[in-house]
C-alpha atoms as a PDB file:
ATOM      1  CA  MET A   1      85.626  86.001 128.450  1.00  0.00           C
ATOM      2  CA  LEU A   2      86.121  82.361 127.478  1.00  0.00           C
ATOM      3  CA  TYR A   3      83.984  82.910 124.362  1.00  0.00           C
ATOM      4  CA  SER A   4      86.255  85.772 123.296  1.00  0.00           C
ATOM      5  CA  VAL A   5      89.358  83.626 123.708  1.00  0.00           C
ATOM      6  CA  VAL A   6      87.823  80.743 121.741  1.00  0.00           C
ATOM      7  CA  ALA A   7      86.537  83.072 118.993  1.00  0.00           C
ATOM      8  CA  THR A   8      89.953  84.741 118.695  1.00  0.00           C
ATOM      9  CA  TYR A   9      91.661  81.359 118.448  1.00  0.00           C
ATOM     10  CA  LEU A  10      89.211  80.161 115.758  1.00  0.00           C
ATOM     11  CA  VAL A  11      89.604  83.320 113.666  1.00  0.00           C
ATOM     12  CA  SER A  12      93.377  83.018 113.964  1.00  0.00           C
ATOM     13  CA  GLN A  13      93.306  79.376 112.830  1.00  0.00           C
ATOM     14  CA  LEU A  14      90.931  80.097 109.931  1.00  0.00           C
ATOM     15  CA  SER A  15      93.066  82.969 108.665  1.00  0.00           C
ATOM     16  CA  ALA A  16      96.241  80.872 108.911  1.00  0.00           C
ATOM     17  CA  GLU A  17      94.529  78.047 107.003  1.00  0.00           C
ATOM     18  CA  TYR A  18      93.330  80.477 104.311  1.00  0.00           C
ATOM     19  CA  ALA A  19      96.822  81.961 103.917  1.00  0.00           C
ATOM     20  CA  MET A  20      98.390  78.500 103.690  1.00  0.00           C
ATOM     21  CA  ARG A  21      95.906  77.390 100.990  1.00  0.00           C
ATOM     22  CA  GLN A  22      96.498  80.556  98.977  1.00  0.00           C
ATOM     23  CA  GLY A  23     100.246  79.975  99.100  1.00  0.00           C
ATOM     24  CA  GLU A  24      99.887  76.317  98.129  1.00  0.00           C
ATOM     25  CA  LYS A  25      97.954  77.148  94.955  1.00  0.00           C
ATOM     26  CA  GLY A  26     101.337  77.577  93.333  1.00  0.00           C
ATOM     27  CA  LYS A  27     100.600  80.849  91.618  1.00  0.00           C
ATOM     28  CA  LEU A  28     102.830  82.928  93.873  1.00  0.00           C
ATOM     29  CA  THR A  29     106.521  83.412  93.272  1.00  0.00           C
ATOM     30  CA  SER A  30     109.013  84.589  95.871  1.00  0.00           C
ATOM     31  CA  ASN A  31     108.505  88.235  94.785  1.00  0.00           C
ATOM     32  CA  GLN A  32     104.710  88.237  94.858  1.00  0.00           C
ATOM     33  CA  ILE A  33     102.291  89.058  97.624  1.00  0.00           C
ATOM     34  CA  GLN A  34      98.713  87.775  97.581  1.00  0.00           C
ATOM     35  CA  ASP A  35      96.150  90.468  98.430  1.00  0.00           C
ATOM     36  CA  LEU A  36      92.514  89.451  98.737  1.00  0.00           C
ATOM     37  CA  LEU A  37      91.109  92.958  98.257  1.00  0.00           C
ATOM     38  CA  HIS A  38      93.224  93.515  95.131  1.00  0.00           C
ATOM     39  CA  ASP A  39      91.437  90.478  93.744  1.00  0.00           C
ATOM     40  CA  LEU A  40      88.013  91.821  94.750  1.00  0.00           C
ATOM     41  CA  PHE A  41      88.307  95.549  93.940  1.00  0.00           C
ATOM     42  CA  PRO A  42      88.377  96.513  90.253  1.00  0.00           C
ATOM     43  CA  SER A  43      90.917  99.134  89.197  1.00  0.00           C
ATOM     44  CA  THR A  44      90.459 101.811  86.554  1.00  0.00           C
ATOM     45  CA  GLY A  45      93.709 103.584  87.336  1.00  0.00           C
ATOM     46  CA  TYR A  46      91.982 106.782  88.472  1.00  0.00           C
ATOM     47  CA  GLU A  47      91.589 105.762  92.113  1.00  0.00           C
ATOM     48  CA  TRP A  48      94.960 107.342  92.941  1.00  0.00           C
ATOM     49  CA  VAL A  49      93.634 110.743  91.857  1.00  0.00           C
ATOM     50  CA  VAL A  50      90.472 110.178  93.908  1.00  0.00           C
ATOM     51  CA  ALA A  51      92.556 109.203  96.943  1.00  0.00           C
ATOM     52  CA  ASN A  52      94.570 112.422  96.713  1.00  0.00           C
ATOM     53  CA  ILE A  53      91.415 114.532  96.383  1.00  0.00           C
ATOM     54  CA  LEU A  54      89.828 112.805  99.396  1.00  0.00           C
ATOM     55  CA  LEU A  55      92.949 113.277 101.532  1.00  0.00           C
ATOM     56  CA  ALA A  56      93.172 116.941 100.523  1.00  0.00           C
ATOM     57  CA  GLY A  57      89.516 117.357 101.503  1.00  0.00           C
ATOM     58  CA  LEU A  58      90.039 115.784 104.941  1.00  0.00           C
ATOM     59  CA  LEU A  59      93.125 117.886 105.625  1.00  0.00           C
ATOM     60  CA  GLY A  60      91.438 121.020 104.300  1.00  0.00           C
ATOM     61  CA  LEU A  61      88.428 120.478 106.552  1.00  0.00           C
ATOM     62  CA  LEU A  62      90.719 120.034 109.545  1.00  0.00           C
ATOM     63  CA  LEU A  63      92.717 123.167 108.700  1.00  0.00           C
ATOM     64  CA  TYR A  64      89.534 125.193 108.203  1.00  0.00           C
ATOM     65  CA  THR A  65      87.835 124.117 111.440  1.00  0.00           C
ATOM     66  CA  SER A  66      90.708 123.730 113.930  1.00  0.00           C
ATOM     67  CA  PRO A  67      91.747 126.314 116.505  1.00  0.00           C
ATOM     68  CA  ARG A  68      95.474 127.117 116.382  1.00  0.00           C
ATOM     69  CA  PRO A  69      96.587 125.170 119.497  1.00  0.00           C
ATOM     70  CA  LEU A  70      94.827 122.059 118.216  1.00  0.00           C
ATOM     71  CA  LEU A  71      96.317 122.499 114.752  1.00  0.00           C
ATOM     72  CA  ARG A  72      99.794 122.729 116.305  1.00  0.00           C
ATOM     73  CA  VAL A  73      99.269 119.375 118.059  1.00  0.00           C
ATOM     74  CA  PHE A  74      98.032 117.851 114.782  1.00  0.00           C
ATOM     75  CA  LEU A  75     101.156 119.059 112.984  1.00  0.00           C
ATOM     76  CA  GLU A  76     103.402 117.645 115.722  1.00  0.00           C
ATOM     77  CA  MET A  77     101.671 114.263 115.462  1.00  0.00           C
ATOM     78  CA  SER A  78     101.919 114.429 111.668  1.00  0.00           C
ATOM     79  CA  MET A  79     105.681 114.948 111.864  1.00  0.00           C
ATOM     80  CA  ILE A  80     106.053 111.888 114.102  1.00  0.00           C
ATOM     81  CA  LEU A  81     103.899 109.886 111.702  1.00  0.00           C
ATOM     82  CA  ILE A  82     105.896 110.976 108.633  1.00  0.00           C
ATOM     83  CA  LEU A  83     109.237 110.284 110.318  1.00  0.00           C
ATOM     84  CA  PHE A  84     108.081 106.815 111.372  1.00  0.00           C
ATOM     85  CA  ARG A  85     106.802 106.120 107.853  1.00  0.00           C
ATOM     86  CA  SER A  86     110.120 107.267 106.392  1.00  0.00           C
ATOM     87  CA  VAL A  87     111.935 104.689 108.504  1.00  0.00           C
ATOM     88  CA  THR A  88     109.541 101.843 107.639  1.00  0.00           C
ATOM     89  CA  THR A  89     109.675 102.700 103.926  1.00  0.00           C
ATOM     90  CA  ALA A  90     113.470 102.724 103.871  1.00  0.00           C
ATOM     91  CA  VAL A  91     114.122  99.556 105.860  1.00  0.00           C
ATOM     92  CA  THR A  92     111.916  97.208 103.804  1.00  0.00           C
ATOM     93  CA  VAL A  93     111.085  97.565 100.123  1.00  0.00           C
ATOM     94  CA  ILE A  94     108.033  95.510  99.222  1.00  0.00           C
ATOM     95  CA  PRO A  95     107.703  94.103  95.671  1.00  0.00           C
ATOM     96  CA  GLN A  96     105.799  96.062  93.045  1.00  0.00           C
ATOM     97  CA  VAL A  97     102.146  95.130  92.791  1.00  0.00           C
ATOM     98  CA  GLU A  98     101.263  93.032  89.755  1.00  0.00           C
ATOM     99  CA  GLN A  99      98.989  95.663  88.209  1.00  0.00           C
ATOM    100  CA  CYS A 100     100.491  99.097  88.559  1.00  0.00           C
ATOM    101  CA  ASN A 101      98.599 101.429  86.296  1.00  0.00           C
ATOM    102  CA  PHE A 102      98.482 105.107  87.140  1.00  0.00           C
ATOM    103  CA  LYS A 103      96.820 107.214  84.491  1.00  0.00           C
ATOM    104  CA  LEU A 104      98.010 110.409  86.194  1.00  0.00           C
ATOM    105  CA  GLY A 105     101.227 109.485  87.976  1.00  0.00           C
ATOM    106  CA  LEU A 106     103.329 112.062  89.723  1.00  0.00           C
ATOM    107  CA  PRO A 107     107.134 111.982  89.406  1.00  0.00           C
ATOM    108  CA  THR A 108     107.472 111.305  93.131  1.00  0.00           C
ATOM    109  CA  HIS A 109     105.227 108.222  93.043  1.00  0.00           C
ATOM    110  CA  THR A 110     106.456 104.737  92.288  1.00  0.00           C
ATOM    111  CA  CYS A 111     104.687 101.436  91.912  1.00  0.00           C
ATOM    112  CA  HIS A 112     106.720  99.871  94.687  1.00  0.00           C
ATOM    113  CA  ASP A 113     104.557  99.507  97.684  1.00  0.00           C
ATOM    114  CA  MET A 114     105.493 101.371 100.832  1.00  0.00           C
ATOM    115  CA  MET A 115     104.722 100.038 104.272  1.00  0.00           C
ATOM    116  CA  PHE A 116     102.609 101.736 105.674  1.00  0.00           C
ATOM    117  CA  SER A 117     100.184 103.973 103.794  1.00  0.00           C
ATOM    118  CA  GLY A 118     100.894 107.625 104.594  1.00  0.00           C
ATOM    119  CA  HIS A 119      97.652 108.691 102.901  1.00  0.00           C
ATOM    120  CA  THR A 120      95.725 106.346 105.191  1.00  0.00           C
ATOM    121  CA  ALA A 121      97.563 107.433 108.319  1.00  0.00           C
ATOM    122  CA  MET A 122      97.220 111.170 107.629  1.00  0.00           C
ATOM    123  CA  GLY A 123      93.564 110.832 106.642  1.00  0.00           C
ATOM    124  CA  THR A 124      92.801 108.789 109.747  1.00  0.00           C
ATOM    125  CA  LEU A 125      94.671 111.215 111.991  1.00  0.00           C
ATOM    126  CA  ALA A 126      92.778 114.191 110.516  1.00  0.00           C
ATOM    127  CA  TYR A 127      89.489 112.319 110.942  1.00  0.00           C
ATOM    128  CA  LEU A 128      90.256 111.512 114.588  1.00  0.00           C
ATOM    129  CA  PHE A 129      90.836 115.216 115.300  1.00  0.00           C
ATOM    130  CA  ILE A 130      87.627 116.207 113.509  1.00  0.00           C
ATOM    131  CA  TRP A 131      85.662 113.547 115.394  1.00  0.00           C
ATOM    132  CA  LYS A 132      87.215 113.835 118.876  1.00  0.00           C
ATOM    133  CA  TYR A 133      87.092 117.617 119.090  1.00  0.00           C
ATOM    134  CA  LYS A 134      83.663 117.908 117.441  1.00  0.00           C
ATOM    135  CA  LEU A 135      84.907 120.322 114.779  1.00  0.00           C
ATOM    136  CA  VAL A 136      81.956 119.735 112.441  1.00  0.00           C
ATOM    137  CA  THR A 137      78.233 118.996 112.565  1.00  0.00           C
ATOM    138  CA  SER A 138      76.990 115.406 112.711  1.00  0.00           C
ATOM    139  CA  THR A 139      75.942 115.539 109.050  1.00  0.00           C
ATOM    140  CA  THR A 140      79.388 116.728 107.993  1.00  0.00           C
ATOM    141  CA  LEU A 141      80.959 114.062 110.220  1.00  0.00           C
ATOM    142  CA  THR A 142      78.908 111.391 108.436  1.00  0.00           C
ATOM    143  CA  MET A 143      80.103 112.688 105.063  1.00  0.00           C
ATOM    144  CA  THR A 144      83.669 112.803 106.414  1.00  0.00           C
ATOM    145  CA  THR A 145      83.379 109.173 107.554  1.00  0.00           C
ATOM    146  CA  ILE A 146      82.244 108.154 104.061  1.00  0.00           C
ATOM    147  CA  ALA A 147      85.158 110.114 102.570  1.00  0.00           C
ATOM    148  CA  LEU A 148      87.615 108.351 104.901  1.00  0.00           C
ATOM    149  CA  PHE A 149      86.413 104.873 103.925  1.00  0.00           C
ATOM    150  CA  SER A 150      86.397 105.930 100.268  1.00  0.00           C
ATOM    151  CA  LEU A 151      90.037 106.939 100.731  1.00  0.00           C
ATOM    152  CA  TYR A 152      90.849 103.465 102.071  1.00  0.00           C
ATOM    153  CA  TYR A 153      89.039 101.843  99.131  1.00  0.00           C
ATOM    154  CA  SER A 154      90.749 104.094  96.583  1.00  0.00           C
ATOM    155  CA  LEU A 155      94.220 103.327  97.892  1.00  0.00           C
ATOM    156  CA  ILE A 156      93.659  99.585  97.695  1.00  0.00           C
ATOM    157  CA  ALA A 157      91.800  99.683  94.356  1.00  0.00           C
ATOM    158  CA  SER A 158      94.512 101.857  92.775  1.00  0.00           C
ATOM    159  CA  ARG A 159      97.038  99.159  93.707  1.00  0.00           C
ATOM    160  CA  SER A 160      99.242 101.837  95.260  1.00  0.00           C
ATOM    161  CA  HIS A 161      99.095  99.924  98.553  1.00  0.00           C
ATOM    162  CA  TYR A 162      98.356  96.447  99.739  1.00  0.00           C
ATOM    163  CA  THR A 163      95.501  96.012 102.199  1.00  0.00           C
ATOM    164  CA  VAL A 164      97.935  95.415 105.058  1.00  0.00           C
ATOM    165  CA  ASP A 165      99.536  98.836 104.404  1.00  0.00           C
ATOM    166  CA  VAL A 166      96.165 100.517 104.847  1.00  0.00           C
ATOM    167  CA  LEU A 167      95.405  98.540 108.018  1.00  0.00           C
ATOM    168  CA  ILE A 168      98.824  99.346 109.534  1.00  0.00           C
ATOM    169  CA  GLY A 169      98.372 103.019 108.550  1.00  0.00           C
ATOM    170  CA  ILE A 170      95.084 103.082 110.475  1.00  0.00           C
ATOM    171  CA  LEU A 171      96.690 101.464 113.536  1.00  0.00           C
ATOM    172  CA  VAL A 172      99.690 103.811 113.488  1.00  0.00           C
ATOM    173  CA  ALA A 173      97.435 106.883 113.294  1.00  0.00           C
ATOM    174  CA  ILE A 174      95.199 105.660 116.126  1.00  0.00           C
ATOM    175  CA  SER A 175      98.248 104.831 118.257  1.00  0.00           C
ATOM    176  CA  ILE A 176      99.872 108.215 117.738  1.00  0.00           C
ATOM    177  CA  PHE A 177      96.555 109.998 118.369  1.00  0.00           C
ATOM    178  CA  TYR A 178      95.910 108.264 121.686  1.00  0.00           C
ATOM    179  CA  LEU A 179      99.503 108.128 122.965  1.00  0.00           C
ATOM    180  CA  TYR A 180     100.487 111.725 122.201  1.00  0.00           C
ATOM    181  CA  PRO A 181      99.643 114.282 124.941  1.00  0.00           C
ATOM    182  CA  LYS A 182      96.632 116.448 124.071  1.00  0.00           C
ATOM    183  CA  PRO A 183      95.964 120.080 124.962  1.00  0.00           C
ATOM    184  CA  GLU A 184      93.835 120.423 128.111  1.00  0.00           C
ATOM    185  CA  VAL A 185      91.550 123.129 126.725  1.00  0.00           C
ATOM    186  CA  TYR A 186      89.672 120.843 124.363  1.00  0.00           C
END
């Protein structure tokens, strides 16, 4: 247990030191946010389209394989997730990412980041249902896992979300999934 405490403390100190050094480089203004994965992932502008296709695939697979009572619970959890995201989006507007290039932008999409990523949260929630209730074969589950991580990558690479938005989206989906009462039959 002591090793875990020491390791946690060291990781916390290293991340704080990294963040402080990035801020001291002087290239950030008061309206900018530094995102390490934005620096590492190249963007072509088409990742947003890929992200939407991947999310549609995850949701479609869930809809196709779920029994009705389970689908009802998924929809209830989705409504809670969307309402919570609506509140977080409205209360804090995060600055536009530096590179905001959507080759196929929809009229409802803006370049202003929204805390947290709804695509991430919905995709993660659908994946958790598919995984927990064994709705697909192990091969299909492996492909679904790859699709989920590709969704995360696409959202960050498209610059439609910062990395923290994706991480918070994952945590919100996991929290809702495990805290919401589940049907007893499954």
